[in-house]
Amino acid sequence: MPAPIDFATLDLLDALDLAILIEDEARERYEEFADQMQTHHTPDAEQFFRVMAVNETKHGTELEERRNRLFPGAPRRVTRDMLWDVEAPGFEKAEAFMSAHQAMRVAMECEVKAHGYFAAALVHVKDADVKALFEELRDEEVEHQELVQAAMAKLPPESDVDPNDFADEPVGQ
């Protein structure tokens, strides 16, 4: 269980570090999912998860640059154990034979989840700079949802066949 974050006392440095860690966690999870999809020969889902990992990297880098500009050399006080799956997909979301549609639905759930996280945190934030950052992050999650929806709209219709119906169950050796 993550250590609780007291949003009422969060300052901008800690808020930026929290946001960076959220992006890092999501990037790592998308990379793990992409590697799994590569193993299972599902290239469409793999490619989409790789795109999501690149997007998370880009956003994390932008936040890191802002942090370094505002707080050069400042030590981190927020740690990875203070969050869990804020934006990252849950491990249970990966399936052996995911389609691009399924991958995009997972990503959409993550963008909605992240929006909810920042919206809920805003209720408790007191610092004006943190409030502005969290409002920006919340609003960016809506933009990310729109990007996923646009990508989904470009896909051909989803097949009625679920490839997992044809997967062999694991057996003991």
N, C-alpha and C. Protein backbone atom coordinates (compact mmCIF):
# COMPACT_ATOMS: atom_id res chain seq x y z
N MET A 1 0.84 -1.18 0.00
CA MET A 1 0.00 0.00 0.00
C MET A 1 0.88 1.24 0.00
N PRO A 2 0.62 2.19 -0.91
CA PRO A 2 1.45 3.39 -0.95
C PRO A 2 1.31 4.23 0.31
N ALA A 3 2.40 4.91 0.66
CA ALA A 3 2.34 5.87 1.75
C ALA A 3 1.43 7.01 1.32
N PRO A 4 0.59 7.49 2.20
CA PRO A 4 -0.34 8.55 1.80
C PRO A 4 0.37 9.86 1.49
N ILE A 5 -0.17 10.59 0.57
CA ILE A 5 0.34 11.90 0.22
C ILE A 5 -0.63 12.92 0.80
N ASP A 6 -0.11 13.87 1.53
CA ASP A 6 -0.94 14.92 2.08
C ASP A 6 -0.99 16.07 1.07
N PHE A 7 -2.00 16.07 0.24
CA PHE A 7 -2.11 17.07 -0.82
C PHE A 7 -2.26 18.49 -0.27
N ALA A 8 -2.77 18.61 0.95
CA ALA A 8 -2.96 19.93 1.55
C ALA A 8 -1.62 20.61 1.86
N THR A 9 -0.57 19.83 2.09
CA THR A 9 0.73 20.41 2.42
C THR A 9 1.75 20.26 1.30
N LEU A 10 1.34 19.73 0.18
CA LEU A 10 2.24 19.49 -0.95
C LEU A 10 2.73 20.81 -1.54
N ASP A 11 4.04 20.94 -1.73
CA ASP A 11 4.57 22.13 -2.39
C ASP A 11 4.86 21.80 -3.85
N LEU A 12 5.26 22.81 -4.62
CA LEU A 12 5.43 22.62 -6.05
C LEU A 12 6.55 21.64 -6.37
N LEU A 13 7.64 21.67 -5.62
CA LEU A 13 8.73 20.72 -5.86
C LEU A 13 8.23 19.29 -5.72
N ASP A 14 7.55 19.02 -4.63
CA ASP A 14 7.05 17.66 -4.40
C ASP A 14 5.98 17.27 -5.42
N ALA A 15 5.16 18.23 -5.81
CA ALA A 15 4.12 17.95 -6.81
C ALA A 15 4.75 17.60 -8.16
N LEU A 16 5.79 18.32 -8.54
CA LEU A 16 6.50 18.00 -9.78
C LEU A 16 7.14 16.62 -9.70
N ASP A 17 7.77 16.32 -8.56
CA ASP A 17 8.39 15.00 -8.40
C ASP A 17 7.34 13.89 -8.46
N LEU A 18 6.20 14.13 -7.85
CA LEU A 18 5.11 13.17 -7.90
C LEU A 18 4.66 12.95 -9.35
N ALA A 19 4.48 14.02 -10.08
CA ALA A 19 4.04 13.92 -11.47
C ALA A 19 5.07 13.19 -12.32
N ILE A 20 6.34 13.46 -12.08
CA ILE A 20 7.42 12.77 -12.82
C ILE A 20 7.38 11.27 -12.53
N LEU A 21 7.23 10.92 -11.27
CA LEU A 21 7.17 9.51 -10.90
C LEU A 21 5.96 8.81 -11.51
N ILE A 22 4.84 9.51 -11.59
CA ILE A 22 3.64 8.95 -12.21
C ILE A 22 3.91 8.64 -13.68
N GLU A 23 4.56 9.57 -14.37
CA GLU A 23 4.90 9.35 -15.78
C GLU A 23 5.89 8.21 -15.94
N ASP A 24 6.88 8.14 -15.05
CA ASP A 24 7.87 7.07 -15.12
C ASP A 24 7.23 5.70 -14.93
N GLU A 25 6.33 5.61 -13.95
CA GLU A 25 5.66 4.34 -13.69
C GLU A 25 4.83 3.92 -14.90
N ALA A 26 4.11 4.85 -15.48
CA ALA A 26 3.28 4.52 -16.65
C ALA A 26 4.17 4.10 -17.82
N ARG A 27 5.26 4.81 -18.05
CA ARG A 27 6.18 4.46 -19.14
C ARG A 27 6.72 3.04 -18.96
N GLU A 28 7.17 2.74 -17.76
CA GLU A 28 7.71 1.40 -17.49
C GLU A 28 6.67 0.32 -17.74
N ARG A 29 5.45 0.56 -17.32
CA ARG A 29 4.40 -0.45 -17.48
C ARG A 29 4.05 -0.64 -18.95
N TYR A 30 3.96 0.47 -19.70
CA TYR A 30 3.69 0.35 -21.13
C TYR A 30 4.83 -0.39 -21.84
N GLU A 31 6.06 -0.15 -21.42
CA GLU A 31 7.18 -0.88 -22.01
C GLU A 31 7.09 -2.37 -21.70
N GLU A 32 6.72 -2.70 -20.46
CA GLU A 32 6.54 -4.11 -20.08
C GLU A 32 5.44 -4.75 -20.92
N PHE A 33 4.33 -4.04 -21.08
CA PHE A 33 3.23 -4.58 -21.89
C PHE A 33 3.67 -4.76 -23.34
N ALA A 34 4.39 -3.79 -23.89
CA ALA A 34 4.86 -3.90 -25.27
C ALA A 34 5.77 -5.12 -25.42
N ASP A 35 6.66 -5.34 -24.47
CA ASP A 35 7.53 -6.51 -24.53
C ASP A 35 6.71 -7.81 -24.46
N GLN A 36 5.69 -7.83 -23.63
CA GLN A 36 4.82 -9.01 -23.56
C GLN A 36 4.09 -9.24 -24.89
N MET A 37 3.62 -8.17 -25.49
CA MET A 37 2.90 -8.31 -26.76
C MET A 37 3.86 -8.80 -27.86
N GLN A 38 5.10 -8.35 -27.80
CA GLN A 38 6.09 -8.84 -28.76
C GLN A 38 6.30 -10.34 -28.58
N THR A 39 6.39 -10.78 -27.35
CA THR A 39 6.56 -12.20 -27.07
C THR A 39 5.39 -13.02 -27.60
N HIS A 40 4.19 -12.46 -27.52
CA HIS A 40 2.99 -13.18 -27.94
C HIS A 40 2.60 -12.89 -29.39
N HIS A 41 3.47 -12.20 -30.11
CA HIS A 41 3.26 -11.94 -31.54
C HIS A 41 1.95 -11.20 -31.81
N THR A 42 1.72 -10.16 -31.03
CA THR A 42 0.56 -9.29 -31.25
C THR A 42 1.10 -7.89 -31.56
N PRO A 43 1.55 -7.69 -32.80
CA PRO A 43 2.27 -6.46 -33.15
C PRO A 43 1.45 -5.18 -33.06
N ASP A 44 0.15 -5.24 -33.31
CA ASP A 44 -0.65 -4.02 -33.24
C ASP A 44 -0.72 -3.49 -31.82
N ALA A 45 -0.97 -4.38 -30.86
CA ALA A 45 -1.00 -3.97 -29.46
C ALA A 45 0.39 -3.55 -28.99
N GLU A 46 1.40 -4.30 -29.43
CA GLU A 46 2.78 -3.95 -29.07
C GLU A 46 3.10 -2.53 -29.52
N GLN A 47 2.81 -2.24 -30.78
CA GLN A 47 3.12 -0.92 -31.33
C GLN A 47 2.39 0.18 -30.57
N PHE A 48 1.14 -0.05 -30.24
CA PHE A 48 0.39 0.98 -29.52
C PHE A 48 0.98 1.22 -28.14
N PHE A 49 1.34 0.14 -27.43
CA PHE A 49 1.94 0.30 -26.10
C PHE A 49 3.29 1.01 -26.20
N ARG A 50 4.03 0.79 -27.27
CA ARG A 50 5.30 1.49 -27.45
C ARG A 50 5.05 3.00 -27.67
N VAL A 51 4.02 3.32 -28.43
CA VAL A 51 3.65 4.73 -28.64
C VAL A 51 3.28 5.37 -27.30
N MET A 52 2.52 4.65 -26.49
CA MET A 52 2.14 5.19 -25.18
C MET A 52 3.38 5.40 -24.30
N ALA A 53 4.33 4.47 -24.36
CA ALA A 53 5.56 4.61 -23.58
C ALA A 53 6.34 5.86 -24.02
N VAL A 54 6.40 6.10 -25.32
CA VAL A 54 7.07 7.29 -25.84
C VAL A 54 6.36 8.55 -25.35
N ASN A 55 5.04 8.54 -25.37
CA ASN A 55 4.27 9.71 -24.90
C ASN A 55 4.54 9.99 -23.42
N GLU A 56 4.57 8.92 -22.61
CA GLU A 56 4.84 9.09 -21.18
C GLU A 56 6.26 9.61 -20.96
N THR A 57 7.21 9.12 -21.76
CA THR A 57 8.60 9.59 -21.66
C THR A 57 8.67 11.07 -21.98
N LYS A 58 8.01 11.47 -23.04
CA LYS A 58 8.02 12.88 -23.45
C LYS A 58 7.45 13.77 -22.35
N HIS A 59 6.32 13.38 -21.80
CA HIS A 59 5.70 14.19 -20.76
C HIS A 59 6.56 14.22 -19.51
N GLY A 60 7.13 13.07 -19.13
CA GLY A 60 8.01 13.02 -17.97
C GLY A 60 9.24 13.90 -18.14
N THR A 61 9.79 13.90 -19.35
CA THR A 61 10.97 14.74 -19.64
C THR A 61 10.62 16.22 -19.52
N GLU A 62 9.46 16.60 -20.02
CA GLU A 62 9.03 18.00 -19.90
C GLU A 62 8.88 18.41 -18.44
N LEU A 63 8.31 17.53 -17.64
CA LEU A 63 8.16 17.82 -16.21
C LEU A 63 9.51 17.89 -15.52
N GLU A 64 10.41 16.99 -15.89
CA GLU A 64 11.76 16.97 -15.31
C GLU A 64 12.50 18.25 -15.65
N GLU A 65 12.37 18.71 -16.89
CA GLU A 65 13.02 19.97 -17.29
C GLU A 65 12.47 21.15 -16.50
N ARG A 66 11.17 21.16 -16.29
CA ARG A 66 10.55 22.24 -15.51
C ARG A 66 11.08 22.20 -14.07
N ARG A 67 11.14 20.99 -13.50
CA ARG A 67 11.64 20.83 -12.14
C ARG A 67 13.07 21.35 -12.04
N ASN A 68 13.92 20.96 -12.97
CA ASN A 68 15.33 21.36 -12.93
C ASN A 68 15.51 22.86 -13.13
N ARG A 69 14.62 23.47 -13.89
CA ARG A 69 14.67 24.91 -14.11
C ARG A 69 14.25 25.67 -12.84
N LEU A 70 13.22 25.17 -12.17
CA LEU A 70 12.70 25.84 -10.98
C LEU A 70 13.45 25.49 -9.70
N PHE A 71 13.93 24.25 -9.62
CA PHE A 71 14.55 23.76 -8.38
C PHE A 71 15.86 23.01 -8.69
N PRO A 72 16.83 23.69 -9.28
CA PRO A 72 18.07 22.99 -9.67
C PRO A 72 18.77 22.36 -8.47
N GLY A 73 19.05 21.08 -8.59
CA GLY A 73 19.80 20.37 -7.56
C GLY A 73 19.03 20.04 -6.30
N ALA A 74 17.75 20.37 -6.23
CA ALA A 74 16.97 20.10 -5.01
C ALA A 74 16.78 18.59 -4.85
N PRO A 75 16.95 18.09 -3.62
CA PRO A 75 16.76 16.65 -3.39
C PRO A 75 15.29 16.26 -3.51
N ARG A 76 15.06 15.02 -3.89
CA ARG A 76 13.69 14.49 -3.99
C ARG A 76 13.21 14.04 -2.61
N ARG A 77 11.98 14.41 -2.29
CA ARG A 77 11.37 13.98 -1.03
C ARG A 77 10.20 13.05 -1.28
N VAL A 78 9.73 13.02 -2.52
CA VAL A 78 8.64 12.12 -2.91
C VAL A 78 9.27 10.88 -3.52
N THR A 79 8.78 9.73 -3.13
CA THR A 79 9.35 8.48 -3.61
C THR A 79 8.30 7.63 -4.31
N ARG A 80 8.77 6.67 -5.05
CA ARG A 80 7.90 5.79 -5.83
C ARG A 80 6.92 5.01 -4.96
N ASP A 81 7.29 4.73 -3.72
CA ASP A 81 6.39 3.98 -2.85
C ASP A 81 5.20 4.80 -2.38
N MET A 82 5.14 6.07 -2.79
CA MET A 82 4.01 6.92 -2.43
C MET A 82 2.90 6.86 -3.48
N LEU A 83 3.10 6.08 -4.53
CA LEU A 83 2.07 5.96 -5.56
C LEU A 83 2.03 4.53 -6.08
N TRP A 84 0.91 4.20 -6.69
CA TRP A 84 0.75 2.89 -7.29
C TRP A 84 -0.33 2.98 -8.36
N ASP A 85 0.07 2.71 -9.58
CA ASP A 85 -0.87 2.64 -10.70
C ASP A 85 -1.75 3.89 -10.82
N VAL A 86 -1.17 5.07 -10.61
CA VAL A 86 -1.94 6.29 -10.78
C VAL A 86 -2.37 6.42 -12.23
N GLU A 87 -1.42 6.26 -13.13
CA GLU A 87 -1.72 6.32 -14.56
C GLU A 87 -1.36 5.02 -15.26
N ALA A 88 -0.50 4.24 -14.64
CA ALA A 88 -0.05 2.99 -15.25
C ALA A 88 -1.18 1.97 -15.27
N PRO A 89 -1.23 1.18 -16.33
CA PRO A 89 -2.24 0.10 -16.35
C PRO A 89 -1.88 -0.96 -15.30
N GLY A 90 -2.90 -1.53 -14.69
CA GLY A 90 -2.67 -2.62 -13.74
C GLY A 90 -2.08 -3.81 -14.47
N PHE A 91 -1.23 -4.56 -13.79
CA PHE A 91 -0.60 -5.73 -14.40
C PHE A 91 -1.62 -6.70 -14.97
N GLU A 92 -2.78 -6.79 -14.35
CA GLU A 92 -3.81 -7.73 -14.78
C GLU A 92 -4.43 -7.36 -16.13
N LYS A 93 -4.16 -6.16 -16.61
CA LYS A 93 -4.75 -5.70 -17.88
C LYS A 93 -4.07 -6.32 -19.11
N ALA A 94 -2.87 -6.83 -18.95
CA ALA A 94 -2.17 -7.45 -20.09
C ALA A 94 -2.76 -8.83 -20.37
N GLU A 95 -3.07 -9.06 -21.63
CA GLU A 95 -3.55 -10.37 -22.06
C GLU A 95 -2.63 -10.86 -23.16
N ALA A 96 -2.48 -12.15 -23.26
CA ALA A 96 -1.51 -12.73 -24.19
C ALA A 96 -1.75 -12.30 -25.63
N PHE A 97 -2.98 -12.23 -26.06
CA PHE A 97 -3.27 -11.96 -27.47
C PHE A 97 -4.15 -10.73 -27.62
N MET A 98 -3.66 -9.61 -27.13
CA MET A 98 -4.45 -8.39 -27.18
C MET A 98 -4.51 -7.83 -28.59
N SER A 99 -5.66 -7.30 -28.92
CA SER A 99 -5.80 -6.57 -30.19
C SER A 99 -5.47 -5.10 -29.94
N ALA A 100 -5.33 -4.35 -31.00
CA ALA A 100 -5.11 -2.92 -30.86
C ALA A 100 -6.30 -2.27 -30.14
N HIS A 101 -7.51 -2.76 -30.43
CA HIS A 101 -8.70 -2.23 -29.74
C HIS A 101 -8.57 -2.43 -28.23
N GLN A 102 -8.18 -3.63 -27.83
CA GLN A 102 -8.05 -3.92 -26.41
C GLN A 102 -6.96 -3.06 -25.78
N ALA A 103 -5.84 -2.92 -26.47
CA ALA A 103 -4.74 -2.10 -25.95
C ALA A 103 -5.19 -0.66 -25.76
N MET A 104 -5.95 -0.15 -26.71
CA MET A 104 -6.41 1.24 -26.61
C MET A 104 -7.44 1.41 -25.51
N ARG A 105 -8.25 0.39 -25.28
CA ARG A 105 -9.20 0.49 -24.17
C ARG A 105 -8.46 0.52 -22.83
N VAL A 106 -7.38 -0.25 -22.72
CA VAL A 106 -6.56 -0.21 -21.51
C VAL A 106 -5.98 1.19 -21.32
N ALA A 107 -5.44 1.76 -22.39
CA ALA A 107 -4.86 3.10 -22.30
C ALA A 107 -5.92 4.13 -21.92
N MET A 108 -7.10 4.00 -22.49
CA MET A 108 -8.18 4.94 -22.17
C MET A 108 -8.53 4.86 -20.68
N GLU A 109 -8.63 3.65 -20.15
CA GLU A 109 -8.91 3.49 -18.72
C GLU A 109 -7.84 4.21 -17.89
N CYS A 110 -6.59 4.13 -18.33
CA CYS A 110 -5.49 4.76 -17.58
C CYS A 110 -5.58 6.28 -17.63
N GLU A 111 -5.94 6.81 -18.78
CA GLU A 111 -6.08 8.26 -18.90
C GLU A 111 -7.24 8.76 -18.05
N VAL A 112 -8.32 8.03 -18.01
CA VAL A 112 -9.47 8.39 -17.18
C VAL A 112 -9.09 8.29 -15.70
N LYS A 113 -8.36 7.23 -15.35
CA LYS A 113 -7.92 7.03 -13.97
C LYS A 113 -7.01 8.18 -13.52
N ALA A 114 -6.08 8.59 -14.37
CA ALA A 114 -5.17 9.68 -14.03
C ALA A 114 -5.92 11.00 -13.88
N HIS A 115 -6.88 11.24 -14.76
CA HIS A 115 -7.72 12.44 -14.65
C HIS A 115 -8.42 12.45 -13.29
N GLY A 116 -8.99 11.33 -12.91
CA GLY A 116 -9.68 11.23 -11.63
C GLY A 116 -8.76 11.47 -10.44
N TYR A 117 -7.52 10.98 -10.56
CA TYR A 117 -6.54 11.17 -9.49
C TYR A 117 -6.28 12.67 -9.27
N PHE A 118 -5.98 13.38 -10.35
CA PHE A 118 -5.67 14.80 -10.20
C PHE A 118 -6.90 15.61 -9.81
N ALA A 119 -8.05 15.25 -10.34
CA ALA A 119 -9.29 15.95 -9.96
C ALA A 119 -9.58 15.75 -8.48
N ALA A 120 -9.40 14.54 -7.98
CA ALA A 120 -9.65 14.27 -6.56
C ALA A 120 -8.62 14.98 -5.68
N ALA A 121 -7.38 15.01 -6.11
CA ALA A 121 -6.32 15.67 -5.34
C ALA A 121 -6.58 17.17 -5.24
N LEU A 122 -7.09 17.77 -6.31
CA LEU A 122 -7.32 19.22 -6.33
C LEU A 122 -8.23 19.70 -5.20
N VAL A 123 -9.12 18.85 -4.77
CA VAL A 123 -10.02 19.21 -3.68
C VAL A 123 -9.24 19.54 -2.41
N HIS A 124 -8.07 18.91 -2.25
CA HIS A 124 -7.30 19.06 -1.01
C HIS A 124 -6.11 20.01 -1.13
N VAL A 125 -5.74 20.37 -2.35
CA VAL A 125 -4.55 21.20 -2.58
C VAL A 125 -4.80 22.62 -2.08
N LYS A 126 -3.81 23.13 -1.34
CA LYS A 126 -3.90 24.50 -0.81
C LYS A 126 -2.98 25.45 -1.57
N ASP A 127 -1.81 24.98 -1.96
CA ASP A 127 -0.79 25.81 -2.63
C ASP A 127 -1.26 26.18 -4.03
N ALA A 128 -1.22 27.46 -4.37
CA ALA A 128 -1.71 27.94 -5.67
C ALA A 128 -0.90 27.38 -6.83
N ASP A 129 0.42 27.25 -6.67
CA ASP A 129 1.25 26.70 -7.74
C ASP A 129 0.96 25.21 -7.97
N VAL A 130 0.75 24.49 -6.89
CA VAL A 130 0.41 23.06 -7.00
C VAL A 130 -0.96 22.93 -7.65
N LYS A 131 -1.89 23.77 -7.24
CA LYS A 131 -3.23 23.75 -7.83
C LYS A 131 -3.15 23.97 -9.33
N ALA A 132 -2.36 24.95 -9.75
CA ALA A 132 -2.22 25.23 -11.19
C ALA A 132 -1.59 24.04 -11.92
N LEU A 133 -0.58 23.42 -11.33
CA LEU A 133 0.05 22.25 -11.94
C LEU A 133 -0.94 21.10 -12.06
N PHE A 134 -1.65 20.82 -11.00
CA PHE A 134 -2.60 19.69 -11.02
C PHE A 134 -3.76 19.96 -11.99
N GLU A 135 -4.18 21.21 -12.09
CA GLU A 135 -5.22 21.55 -13.08
C GLU A 135 -4.69 21.30 -14.49
N GLU A 136 -3.44 21.69 -14.72
CA GLU A 136 -2.81 21.45 -16.02
C GLU A 136 -2.72 19.95 -16.31
N LEU A 137 -2.28 19.17 -15.32
CA LEU A 137 -2.14 17.73 -15.51
C LEU A 137 -3.51 17.07 -15.72
N ARG A 138 -4.49 17.50 -14.96
CA ARG A 138 -5.85 16.97 -15.13
C ARG A 138 -6.35 17.25 -16.53
N ASP A 139 -6.17 18.47 -17.00
CA ASP A 139 -6.64 18.84 -18.33
C ASP A 139 -5.87 18.11 -19.43
N GLU A 140 -4.59 17.86 -19.21
CA GLU A 140 -3.82 17.09 -20.19
C GLU A 140 -4.34 15.67 -20.32
N GLU A 141 -4.85 15.13 -19.23
CA GLU A 141 -5.41 13.77 -19.30
C GLU A 141 -6.63 13.73 -20.21
N VAL A 142 -7.39 14.80 -20.25
CA VAL A 142 -8.52 14.88 -21.18
C VAL A 142 -8.00 14.90 -22.61
N GLU A 143 -6.93 15.68 -22.85
CA GLU A 143 -6.33 15.71 -24.18
C GLU A 143 -5.82 14.32 -24.58
N HIS A 144 -5.23 13.62 -23.63
CA HIS A 144 -4.73 12.27 -23.91
C HIS A 144 -5.89 11.32 -24.23
N GLN A 145 -7.00 11.48 -23.53
CA GLN A 145 -8.18 10.66 -23.84
C GLN A 145 -8.64 10.91 -25.27
N GLU A 146 -8.62 12.16 -25.67
CA GLU A 146 -9.03 12.51 -27.04
C GLU A 146 -8.08 11.90 -28.07
N LEU A 147 -6.79 11.87 -27.75
CA LEU A 147 -5.81 11.25 -28.66
C LEU A 147 -6.06 9.75 -28.80
N VAL A 148 -6.34 9.10 -27.70
CA VAL A 148 -6.63 7.66 -27.74
C VAL A 148 -7.92 7.42 -28.53
N GLN A 149 -8.94 8.23 -28.29
CA GLN A 149 -10.19 8.10 -29.03
C GLN A 149 -9.97 8.28 -30.53
N ALA A 150 -9.14 9.24 -30.91
CA ALA A 150 -8.85 9.47 -32.33
C ALA A 150 -8.13 8.28 -32.93
N ALA A 151 -7.19 7.69 -32.18
CA ALA A 151 -6.49 6.50 -32.67
C ALA A 151 -7.46 5.34 -32.81
N MET A 152 -8.37 5.19 -31.87
CA MET A 152 -9.36 4.10 -31.93
C MET A 152 -10.26 4.27 -33.15
N ALA A 153 -10.61 5.51 -33.46
CA ALA A 153 -11.50 5.78 -34.60
C ALA A 153 -10.85 5.39 -35.93
N LYS A 154 -9.53 5.36 -35.98
CA LYS A 154 -8.83 5.00 -37.21
C LYS A 154 -8.71 3.49 -37.42
N LEU A 155 -9.02 2.72 -36.39
CA LEU A 155 -8.89 1.27 -36.49
C LEU A 155 -10.02 0.68 -37.33
N PRO A 156 -9.73 -0.43 -38.00
CA PRO A 156 -10.83 -1.14 -38.66
C PRO A 156 -11.76 -1.70 -37.59
N PRO A 157 -12.97 -2.10 -37.98
CA PRO A 157 -13.89 -2.66 -36.99
C PRO A 157 -13.26 -3.84 -36.24
N GLU A 158 -13.61 -3.93 -34.97
CA GLU A 158 -13.06 -4.99 -34.14
C GLU A 158 -13.69 -6.33 -34.51
N SER A 159 -12.87 -7.36 -34.51
CA SER A 159 -13.34 -8.71 -34.82
C SER A 159 -14.21 -9.24 -33.69
N ASP A 160 -15.18 -10.07 -34.04
CA ASP A 160 -16.01 -10.72 -33.03
C ASP A 160 -15.28 -11.90 -32.39
N VAL A 161 -14.17 -12.30 -32.98
CA VAL A 161 -13.42 -13.45 -32.49
C VAL A 161 -12.43 -12.97 -31.43
N ASP A 162 -12.46 -13.61 -30.29
CA ASP A 162 -11.52 -13.29 -29.22
C ASP A 162 -10.36 -14.28 -29.31
N PRO A 163 -9.15 -13.82 -29.64
CA PRO A 163 -8.03 -14.75 -29.79
C PRO A 163 -7.72 -15.51 -28.52
N ASN A 164 -8.11 -14.98 -27.37
CA ASN A 164 -7.87 -15.70 -26.11
C ASN A 164 -8.70 -16.97 -26.03
N ASP A 165 -9.78 -17.06 -26.82
CA ASP A 165 -10.57 -18.29 -26.83
C ASP A 165 -9.80 -19.46 -27.40
N PHE A 166 -8.74 -19.18 -28.14
CA PHE A 166 -7.96 -20.23 -28.78
C PHE A 166 -6.62 -20.45 -28.12
N ALA A 167 -6.36 -19.77 -27.04
CA ALA A 167 -5.09 -19.91 -26.34
C ALA A 167 -5.12 -21.19 -25.50
N ASP A 168 -4.00 -21.86 -25.48
CA ASP A 168 -3.88 -23.06 -24.64
C ASP A 168 -3.67 -22.65 -23.20
N GLU A 169 -4.29 -23.40 -22.31
CA GLU A 169 -4.11 -23.16 -20.90
C GLU A 169 -2.71 -23.61 -20.51
N PRO A 170 -2.08 -22.94 -19.54
CA PRO A 170 -0.75 -23.39 -19.10
C PRO A 170 -0.86 -24.76 -18.44
N VAL A 171 0.14 -25.56 -18.67
CA VAL A 171 0.18 -26.89 -18.07
C VAL A 171 1.49 -27.10 -17.35
N GLY A 172 1.47 -27.93 -16.34
CA GLY A 172 2.70 -28.27 -15.63
C GLY A 172 3.60 -29.13 -16.47
N GLN A 173 4.88 -29.01 -16.29
CA GLN A 173 5.84 -29.78 -17.06
C GLN A 173 6.24 -31.03 -16.32
